[in-house]
Amino acid sequence: MRSTLVFDAATKIANRFLLASTVMRATRKLHIPSTRTEDTVNKVFSSVAEGNPVHASLPEVLPPPVIDELITTSL
């Protein structure tokens, strides 16, 4: 059964790595401790297969803060 869900979800997200990481992240956020993890994963695959994409803008990438020189003292 899960192979069918994976195949259906793969039609929406063709990159297998991206599909796996998306499903893992969604499973972590949506999992309820009193339910089986397998059921949550199946629901996530079904949701991806139905495919209602959310277009969101990414935050602006800021440059890293400047690191001051390391001052060492001799003993």
Protein backbone atom coordinates (compact mmCIF):
# COMPACT_ATOMS: atom_id res chain seq x y z
CA MET A 1 0.00 0.00 0.00
CA ARG A 2 2.75 2.46 0.88
CA SER A 3 4.49 1.89 -2.46
CA THR A 4 1.35 3.21 -4.17
CA LEU A 5 1.38 6.26 -1.91
CA VAL A 6 5.06 6.87 -2.62
CA PHE A 7 4.49 6.54 -6.36
CA ASP A 8 1.57 8.97 -6.25
CA ALA A 9 3.57 11.47 -4.17
CA ALA A 10 6.54 11.13 -6.53
CA THR A 11 4.39 12.51 -9.34
CA LYS A 12 4.22 15.80 -7.39
CA ILE A 13 7.83 15.87 -6.10
CA ALA A 14 10.09 14.19 -8.63
CA ASN A 15 13.32 14.50 -6.65
CA ARG A 16 13.44 11.47 -4.35
CA PHE A 17 15.70 13.16 -1.78
CA LEU A 18 13.41 16.18 -1.60
CA LEU A 19 10.37 13.92 -1.29
CA ALA A 20 11.94 11.93 1.54
CA SER A 21 13.08 15.01 3.46
CA THR A 22 9.69 16.69 2.99
CA VAL A 23 7.85 13.64 4.29
CA MET A 24 10.24 13.29 7.25
CA ARG A 25 9.79 16.92 8.27
CA ALA A 26 6.03 16.80 7.91
CA THR A 27 5.83 13.55 9.84
CA ARG A 28 7.79 15.04 12.73
CA LYS A 29 5.47 18.04 12.88
CA LEU A 30 2.17 16.18 12.41
CA HIS A 31 2.79 13.06 14.47
CA ILE A 32 0.58 12.52 17.51
CA PRO A 33 2.28 10.31 20.14
CA SER A 34 -0.80 8.16 20.75
CA THR A 35 -0.94 7.06 17.07
CA ARG A 36 1.27 4.78 15.02
CA THR A 37 4.07 6.50 13.14
CA GLU A 38 3.23 4.43 10.06
CA ASP A 39 -0.25 5.94 9.92
CA THR A 40 1.16 9.46 10.12
CA VAL A 41 3.62 8.74 7.30
CA ASN A 42 0.82 7.34 5.15
CA LYS A 43 -1.27 10.47 5.75
CA VAL A 44 1.66 12.69 4.79
CA PHE A 45 2.25 10.75 1.57
CA SER A 46 -1.46 11.05 0.77
CA SER A 47 -1.39 14.79 1.40
CA VAL A 48 1.64 15.24 -0.84
CA ALA A 49 -0.02 13.15 -3.56
CA GLU A 50 -3.14 15.36 -3.44
CA GLY A 51 -0.78 18.28 -3.92
CA ASN A 52 -1.95 21.65 -2.72
CA PRO A 53 1.31 23.59 -3.00
CA VAL A 54 1.89 26.56 -0.77
CA HIS A 55 3.93 29.33 -2.33
CA ALA A 56 5.92 31.08 0.32
CA SER A 57 8.72 33.56 0.10
CA LEU A 58 12.03 32.65 1.65
CA PRO A 59 13.55 34.98 4.20
CA GLU A 60 16.38 37.23 3.08
CA VAL A 61 19.80 35.70 3.58
CA LEU A 62 21.91 37.88 5.84
CA PRO A 63 25.70 37.79 5.85
CA PRO A 64 27.27 36.09 8.87
CA PRO A 65 28.44 38.33 11.70
CA VAL A 66 32.05 39.45 11.66
CA ILE A 67 34.30 37.42 13.91
CA ASP A 68 36.90 39.47 15.75
CA GLU A 69 40.49 38.32 15.71
CA LEU A 70 41.35 35.85 18.39
CA ILE A 71 43.69 37.49 20.86
CA THR A 72 45.93 35.05 22.64
CA THR A 73 48.25 35.79 25.47
CA SER A 74 51.51 34.00 26.04
CA LEU A 75 52.08 32.49 29.41
